[in-house]
Amino acid sequence: MTVGFFSPLPPIKSGVADYAAALLSALPGATRVSADGDINLYHLGNNQLHREIFERAMARPGVVVLHDAVMHHFYLGSMTRADYLNAFTANYGAWHRGMAEQLWEQRPRSASDERYFRWPMLKAIASTARAVIVHTEAARQAVLKEAPSAQVEVIPHLPLPALPPDAVEVERWRHARGILPSHTLFGLMGFLRESKRVQTVLRAFQKLAAHRQDIHLLVAGEIGSFDLARAIAPLLVHARIHQVEHAPEQQLQLLASACDVGVNLRYPSANESSGMTARWTRLSRPVLVTESDDIPEAACPRVPAGPAEQETLEAFMLWLADSPVRRRECGRLAAEWAANQPSLEAVAQRYWRVLEQCRS
């Protein structure tokens, strides 16, 4: 069997590209990148990097990987008003046309408005595909809600291959920025979009840093929009906030290792699985998250979305900063969970079985 493989790939700066490259390296059979095979595998994300892939997946159905169980923003960015309204009503019925018109008019707020995540617009691609692969049970349920007859398989997020960074290099990086071994470095890393609660994290840090001289924050990754970059610019001005733009894999691993605690909030959620959370847990780091399907709460404490979000985040940050023992114990539990997750090779084998089942 030959697999046609369609996805953004490095050097494109995206989590989907990094994921796809790792999977491509581990698939056991013959693959053709950007060329048809006996069965095609299409990686789709919720943005315009995937427009041609989406069109091909609709024209020549195969197996679709939904890295986000939301495609609404893809439609907003790729269609005229008339086409968007038609697509929305095809998903949800003509009686919702008024809602579609409202969402179209208010689309500048779509990155952080939960309504755009509540209407994920998955029906067309899920109903057309021979099978849909997602990474969480919540994503599976979101797909089935819109396409009840779809074949949906849950395959956990794969571990991105990464060499352990040199411990001396990690300490050298910290020392150069005035981060002592007794200090706590929190990390906010990845593609920084509004749903990662960037402003909330920065405000929480600014408030705590006014009273604590032993905490630092690493902000690493590409900022997702001009509006967000403009909004957070004043909040980034602090001697103990260390900002790094998108880093190559080996530097990303070093930066993740330099952190004592990861912060990876997500609201509104697209029911996605986080590569950064997976990376930190494998490095024995606790991670503060909004929600998670299966990671123990003792390893990744939950910060509820809503009015108490910032206050709860501050409390957890202080709780971890106050005790190296707590950080180590949470990190140990995180590493135990990560060690029980499928390997890259096991994930690739599960992909291959789905592809074989769907081959003509």
Protein backbone atom coordinates (compact mmCIF):
# COMPACT_ATOMS: atom_id res chain seq x y z
CA MET A 1 0.00 0.00 0.00
CA THR A 2 1.18 3.50 -0.88
CA VAL A 3 -0.03 6.45 1.19
CA GLY A 4 -0.45 9.93 -0.23
CA PHE A 5 0.65 12.32 2.49
CA PHE A 6 -0.71 15.88 2.51
CA SER A 7 0.33 18.30 5.23
CA PRO A 8 2.34 21.45 5.92
CA LEU A 9 5.90 20.39 6.77
CA PRO A 10 8.95 22.17 8.22
CA PRO A 11 10.31 24.78 7.74
CA ILE A 12 6.70 25.99 7.99
CA LYS A 13 6.27 27.19 11.58
CA SER A 14 3.31 25.24 12.89
CA GLY A 15 2.61 22.47 15.35
CA VAL A 16 0.83 20.49 12.63
CA ALA A 17 3.96 20.67 10.45
CA ASP A 18 6.16 19.37 13.28
CA TYR A 19 3.67 16.60 14.07
CA ALA A 20 3.36 15.56 10.44
CA ALA A 21 7.14 15.42 9.98
CA ALA A 22 7.50 13.12 12.99
CA LEU A 23 4.69 10.84 11.76
CA LEU A 24 6.12 10.77 8.24
CA SER A 25 9.46 9.56 9.60
CA ALA A 26 7.80 6.63 11.37
CA LEU A 27 5.12 5.36 8.95
CA PRO A 28 6.08 1.77 8.17
CA GLY A 29 5.23 1.66 4.45
CA ALA A 30 5.69 3.68 1.28
CA THR A 31 4.51 7.29 1.32
CA ARG A 32 4.28 9.98 -1.33
CA VAL A 33 4.42 13.53 -0.05
CA SER A 34 1.93 15.81 -1.85
CA ALA A 35 1.07 13.07 -4.33
CA ASP A 36 -1.83 10.61 -4.47
CA GLY A 37 -1.41 7.09 -3.15
CA ASP A 38 -3.66 4.06 -2.80
CA ILE A 39 -5.16 5.99 0.10
CA ASN A 40 -4.48 9.60 1.04
CA LEU A 41 -3.83 10.99 4.51
CA TYR A 42 -4.80 14.64 4.96
CA HIS A 43 -3.69 16.74 7.94
CA LEU A 44 -6.09 19.61 8.60
CA GLY A 45 -5.79 22.54 10.98
CA ASN A 46 -8.07 25.48 11.61
CA ASN A 47 -6.28 28.01 9.39
CA GLN A 48 -5.42 28.88 5.79
CA LEU A 49 -2.22 26.81 5.63
CA HIS A 50 -4.59 23.91 4.94
CA ARG A 51 -6.80 25.34 2.19
CA GLU A 52 -5.44 23.30 -0.73
CA ILE A 53 -5.33 20.18 1.45
CA PHE A 54 -8.97 20.70 2.44
CA GLU A 55 -10.03 21.10 -1.19
CA ARG A 56 -8.18 17.93 -2.20
CA ALA A 57 -9.64 16.00 0.75
CA MET A 58 -13.14 16.97 -0.38
CA ALA A 59 -12.42 16.07 -4.01
CA ARG A 60 -10.60 12.77 -3.35
CA PRO A 61 -11.78 11.41 0.01
CA GLY A 62 -9.29 9.66 2.21
CA VAL A 63 -8.35 9.64 5.89
CA VAL A 64 -8.45 13.08 7.54
CA VAL A 65 -6.54 14.05 10.67
CA LEU A 66 -8.30 16.85 12.54
CA HIS A 67 -5.67 18.46 14.76
CA ASP A 68 -8.38 20.84 15.99
CA ALA A 69 -11.97 19.68 16.29
CA VAL A 70 -13.00 23.10 14.96
CA MET A 71 -12.88 24.29 11.35
CA HIS A 72 -14.89 27.48 11.78
CA HIS A 73 -11.94 29.87 11.46
CA PHE A 74 -10.81 28.06 8.32
CA TYR A 75 -14.16 28.83 6.71
CA LEU A 76 -14.12 32.43 7.89
CA GLY A 77 -10.73 33.01 6.34
CA SER A 78 -11.30 31.20 3.05
CA MET A 79 -14.78 32.22 1.93
CA THR A 80 -16.79 35.18 0.78
CA ARG A 81 -19.75 36.23 2.89
CA ALA A 82 -22.23 34.42 0.65
CA ASP A 83 -20.22 31.19 0.58
CA TYR A 84 -19.72 31.29 4.35
CA LEU A 85 -23.45 31.74 4.99
CA ASN A 86 -24.22 28.82 2.66
CA ALA A 87 -21.62 26.62 4.37
CA PHE A 88 -22.93 27.47 7.83
CA THR A 89 -26.54 26.73 6.94
CA ALA A 90 -25.48 23.49 5.23
CA ASN A 91 -23.97 22.45 8.58
CA TYR A 92 -26.71 23.66 10.88
CA GLY A 93 -29.85 24.38 8.87
CA ALA A 94 -31.42 27.47 7.28
CA TRP A 95 -33.09 28.44 10.57
CA HIS A 96 -29.62 29.39 11.87
CA ARG A 97 -28.90 31.84 9.04
CA GLY A 98 -29.35 34.79 11.40
CA MET A 99 -26.64 33.39 13.68
CA ALA A 100 -24.38 32.91 10.64
CA GLU A 101 -24.85 36.54 9.61
CA GLN A 102 -24.03 37.70 13.13
CA LEU A 103 -20.90 35.56 13.32
CA TRP A 104 -19.72 36.81 9.95
CA GLU A 105 -20.16 40.45 10.93
CA GLN A 106 -18.36 39.93 14.25
CA ARG A 107 -15.56 37.73 12.87
CA PRO A 108 -12.70 40.01 14.09
CA ARG A 109 -13.38 38.64 17.59
CA SER A 110 -13.44 34.99 16.45
CA ALA A 111 -10.07 34.04 17.98
CA SER A 112 -11.34 34.46 21.53
CA ASP A 113 -15.14 34.33 21.27
CA GLU A 114 -16.40 30.92 22.39
CA ARG A 115 -19.34 31.01 19.93
CA TYR A 116 -16.96 30.26 17.05
CA PHE A 117 -15.82 27.12 18.88
CA ARG A 118 -19.39 26.12 19.78
CA TRP A 119 -20.22 25.94 16.05
CA PRO A 120 -17.20 23.96 14.77
CA MET A 121 -18.44 23.39 11.17
CA LEU A 122 -17.13 19.82 10.88
CA LYS A 123 -19.99 18.21 8.97
CA ALA A 124 -18.72 18.59 5.40
CA ILE A 125 -15.23 17.18 5.87
CA ALA A 126 -16.24 14.49 8.38
CA SER A 127 -19.11 13.23 6.22
CA THR A 128 -16.89 13.10 3.13
CA ALA A 129 -13.82 11.41 4.63
CA ARG A 130 -13.47 7.65 4.73
CA ALA A 131 -12.25 8.01 8.30
CA VAL A 132 -11.41 10.84 10.68
CA ILE A 133 -8.51 10.66 13.14
CA VAL A 134 -8.56 12.87 16.25
CA HIS A 135 -6.35 12.96 19.35
CA THR A 136 -8.90 13.11 22.19
CA GLU A 137 -12.25 11.57 23.09
CA ALA A 138 -13.72 15.08 23.38
CA ALA A 139 -12.74 15.72 19.76
CA ARG A 140 -14.32 12.43 18.71
CA GLN A 141 -17.60 13.41 20.34
CA ALA A 142 -17.48 16.84 18.65
CA VAL A 143 -17.11 15.20 15.23
CA LEU A 144 -19.88 12.66 15.83
CA LYS A 145 -22.25 15.38 17.00
CA GLU A 146 -22.07 16.96 13.54
CA ALA A 147 -21.51 13.81 11.45
CA PRO A 148 -23.05 10.85 13.34
CA SER A 149 -22.23 8.36 10.58
CA ALA A 150 -18.53 9.25 10.39
CA GLN A 151 -15.88 6.67 11.26
CA VAL A 152 -13.82 8.43 13.94
CA GLU A 153 -10.65 6.98 15.48
CA VAL A 154 -8.90 8.40 18.55
CA ILE A 155 -5.11 8.17 18.26
CA PRO A 156 -3.23 9.96 21.06
CA HIS A 157 -0.86 12.81 20.25
CA LEU A 158 2.48 11.35 19.25
CA PRO A 159 5.69 12.16 21.16
CA LEU A 160 7.77 14.46 19.00
CA PRO A 161 11.31 13.05 18.78
CA ALA A 162 13.74 15.21 20.73
CA LEU A 163 17.20 14.59 22.11
CA PRO A 164 17.64 15.37 25.80
CA PRO A 165 19.35 18.73 26.09
CA ASP A 166 22.68 19.00 27.83
CA ALA A 167 22.03 19.91 31.48
CA VAL A 168 25.05 22.22 31.46
CA GLU A 169 23.64 24.08 28.45
CA VAL A 170 20.29 24.44 30.21
CA GLU A 171 21.91 25.94 33.31
CA ARG A 172 24.10 28.17 31.17
CA TRP A 173 20.99 29.51 29.41
CA ARG A 174 19.29 30.19 32.76
CA HIS A 175 22.39 31.77 34.33
CA ALA A 176 22.84 34.16 31.39
CA ARG A 177 19.39 35.55 32.15
CA GLY A 178 19.80 35.83 35.89
CA ILE A 179 17.66 32.78 36.68
CA LEU A 180 19.24 31.17 39.72
CA PRO A 181 18.78 27.50 40.68
CA SER A 182 16.56 28.66 43.55
CA HIS A 183 14.33 30.67 41.19
CA THR A 184 11.19 29.35 39.45
CA LEU A 185 10.87 29.80 35.70
CA PHE A 186 7.35 29.47 34.31
CA GLY A 187 7.05 28.79 30.58
CA LEU A 188 4.44 29.97 28.07
CA MET A 189 5.44 28.32 24.79
CA GLY A 190 4.11 27.35 21.37
CA PHE A 191 2.00 29.21 18.86
CA LEU A 192 0.70 32.09 20.97
CA ARG A 193 -2.89 32.78 20.04
CA GLU A 194 -5.66 34.35 22.07
CA SER A 195 -7.07 31.00 23.18
CA LYS A 196 -3.83 30.25 25.04
CA ARG A 197 -4.86 33.02 27.47
CA VAL A 198 -1.64 34.92 26.89
CA GLN A 199 -2.91 38.15 28.44
CA THR A 200 -4.18 36.32 31.51
CA VAL A 201 -0.80 34.63 32.03
CA LEU A 202 1.11 37.89 31.60
CA ARG A 203 -1.18 39.77 33.99
CA ALA A 204 -0.88 37.01 36.60
CA PHE A 205 2.90 37.07 36.32
CA GLN A 206 3.08 40.86 36.54
CA LYS A 207 0.99 40.82 39.71
CA LEU A 208 3.05 38.11 41.39
CA ALA A 209 6.39 39.51 40.26
CA ALA A 210 5.65 42.78 42.03
CA HIS A 211 6.02 40.89 45.33
CA ARG A 212 8.33 38.00 44.42
CA GLN A 213 11.86 38.45 43.11
CA ASP A 214 12.43 34.73 42.56
CA ILE A 215 10.00 34.07 39.71
CA HIS A 216 10.57 34.46 35.96
CA LEU A 217 8.48 33.89 32.85
CA LEU A 218 9.66 32.59 29.49
CA VAL A 219 7.44 33.59 26.54
CA ALA A 220 8.57 31.54 23.55
CA GLY A 221 6.79 31.28 20.22
CA GLU A 222 5.26 33.18 17.37
CA ILE A 223 2.43 35.55 18.29
CA GLY A 224 -0.65 34.58 16.35
CA SER A 225 -2.03 37.96 15.32
CA PHE A 226 -1.13 41.62 15.05
CA ASP A 227 -3.95 42.54 17.44
CA LEU A 228 -2.67 40.16 20.11
CA ALA A 229 0.91 41.37 19.65
CA ARG A 230 -0.23 44.95 20.12
CA ALA A 231 -2.33 44.09 23.17
CA ILE A 232 0.40 42.23 25.03
CA ALA A 233 3.32 44.53 24.15
CA PRO A 234 3.04 46.59 27.40
CA LEU A 235 2.72 43.42 29.48
CA LEU A 236 5.94 41.98 28.08
CA VAL A 237 8.00 44.86 29.45
CA HIS A 238 9.55 43.34 32.56
CA ALA A 239 13.12 42.47 33.49
CA ARG A 240 12.14 38.91 34.40
CA ILE A 241 10.09 38.16 31.30
CA HIS A 242 12.34 36.47 28.73
CA GLN A 243 10.96 36.43 25.19
CA VAL A 244 12.14 34.13 22.39
CA GLU A 245 10.59 33.89 18.93
CA HIS A 246 9.87 30.59 17.18
CA ALA A 247 12.80 28.26 17.86
CA PRO A 248 14.11 25.21 15.95
CA GLU A 249 13.46 21.84 17.56
CA GLN A 250 16.68 21.46 19.53
CA GLN A 251 16.42 24.97 20.99
CA LEU A 252 12.76 24.38 21.76
CA GLN A 253 13.72 21.31 23.77
CA LEU A 254 16.37 23.30 25.64
CA LEU A 255 13.88 26.07 26.44
CA ALA A 256 11.27 23.58 27.65
CA SER A 257 13.90 21.94 29.85
CA ALA A 258 14.91 25.31 31.29
CA CYS A 259 11.37 25.81 32.61
CA ASP A 260 10.38 24.58 36.06
CA VAL A 261 6.64 24.78 35.34
CA GLY A 262 4.71 24.91 32.08
CA VAL A 263 1.62 27.10 31.64
CA ASN A 264 -0.63 25.88 28.85
CA LEU A 265 -4.14 27.26 29.28
CA ARG A 266 -6.65 26.87 26.45
CA TYR A 267 -10.00 28.61 26.25
CA PRO A 268 -12.03 28.52 24.13
CA SER A 269 -10.96 24.96 23.41
CA ALA A 270 -10.93 23.22 20.05
CA ASN A 271 -10.70 19.84 21.85
CA GLU A 272 -7.14 19.61 20.63
CA SER A 273 -4.24 17.74 22.22
CA SER A 274 -1.21 19.81 23.14
CA GLY A 275 2.27 19.02 21.92
CA MET A 276 3.75 21.39 24.50
CA THR A 277 1.99 19.64 27.39
CA ALA A 278 3.23 16.31 26.05
CA ARG A 279 6.78 17.70 25.82
CA TRP A 280 6.80 19.11 29.35
CA THR A 281 5.38 15.96 30.91
CA ARG A 282 8.11 13.86 29.27
CA LEU A 283 10.63 16.27 30.81
CA SER A 284 9.11 15.72 34.28
CA ARG A 285 7.63 19.20 34.47
CA PRO A 286 4.24 20.05 35.99
CA VAL A 287 1.90 21.93 33.64
CA LEU A 288 -0.94 24.28 34.54
CA VAL A 289 -3.81 23.57 32.14
CA THR A 290 -7.43 24.54 31.62
CA GLU A 291 -8.66 21.04 30.95
CA SER A 292 -7.36 17.64 29.92
CA ASP A 293 -8.97 14.37 28.98
CA ASP A 294 -6.67 11.99 30.79
CA ILE A 295 -3.62 13.62 32.40
CA PRO A 296 -3.81 13.26 36.21
CA GLU A 297 -4.75 16.51 37.90
CA ALA A 298 -1.96 15.99 40.42
CA ALA A 299 0.53 16.30 37.55
CA CYS A 300 -1.28 19.04 35.65
CA PRO A 301 -3.40 21.20 37.99
CA ARG A 302 -6.56 22.60 36.39
CA VAL A 303 -7.19 26.33 36.10
CA PRO A 304 -10.92 26.82 35.40
CA ALA A 305 -11.95 29.21 32.66
CA GLY A 306 -14.18 32.05 33.75
CA PRO A 307 -14.14 34.88 36.29
CA ALA A 308 -11.75 33.09 38.67
CA GLU A 309 -9.22 32.14 35.98
CA GLN A 310 -6.48 34.68 36.79
CA GLU A 311 -6.91 34.40 40.56
CA THR A 312 -6.68 30.59 40.40
CA LEU A 313 -3.67 30.76 38.10
CA GLU A 314 -1.89 33.09 40.52
CA ALA A 315 -2.62 30.74 43.41
CA PHE A 316 -1.22 27.72 41.59
CA MET A 317 1.85 29.64 40.45
CA LEU A 318 2.57 30.66 44.05
CA TRP A 319 1.86 27.14 45.32
CA LEU A 320 4.47 25.70 42.95
CA ALA A 321 6.98 28.55 43.34
CA ASP A 322 6.91 28.12 47.12
CA SER A 323 8.00 24.47 47.10
CA PRO A 324 10.62 22.61 45.02
CA VAL A 325 9.22 19.43 46.57
CA ARG A 326 5.78 20.12 45.08
CA ARG A 327 7.31 20.83 41.69
CA ARG A 328 9.32 17.60 41.78
CA GLU A 329 6.38 15.48 42.88
CA CYS A 330 4.02 16.93 40.26
CA GLY A 331 6.77 16.50 37.67
CA ARG A 332 7.31 12.88 38.70
CA LEU A 333 3.62 12.12 38.24
CA ALA A 334 3.67 13.90 34.88
CA ALA A 335 6.61 11.78 33.70
CA GLU A 336 4.90 8.58 34.89
CA TRP A 337 1.84 9.45 32.82
CA ALA A 338 3.97 10.31 29.78
CA ALA A 339 5.91 7.05 30.02
CA ASN A 340 2.66 5.11 29.66
CA GLN A 341 1.63 6.88 26.45
CA PRO A 342 2.13 5.17 23.05
CA SER A 343 5.53 5.55 21.41
CA LEU A 344 6.01 7.27 18.06
CA GLU A 345 6.28 3.86 16.38
CA ALA A 346 3.10 2.60 18.06
CA VAL A 347 1.18 5.70 16.97
CA ALA A 348 2.45 5.27 13.39
CA GLN A 349 1.29 1.64 13.39
CA ARG A 350 -2.19 2.71 14.47
CA TYR A 351 -2.29 5.22 11.62
CA TRP A 352 -1.23 2.49 9.20
CA ARG A 353 -4.01 0.16 10.34
CA VAL A 354 -6.65 2.86 9.79
CA LEU A 355 -5.22 3.60 6.34
CA GLU A 356 -5.26 -0.10 5.40
CA GLN A 357 -8.88 -0.45 6.50
CA CYS A 358 -9.89 2.53 4.37
CA ARG A 359 -8.00 1.59 1.21
CA SER A 360 -10.21 0.97 -1.81
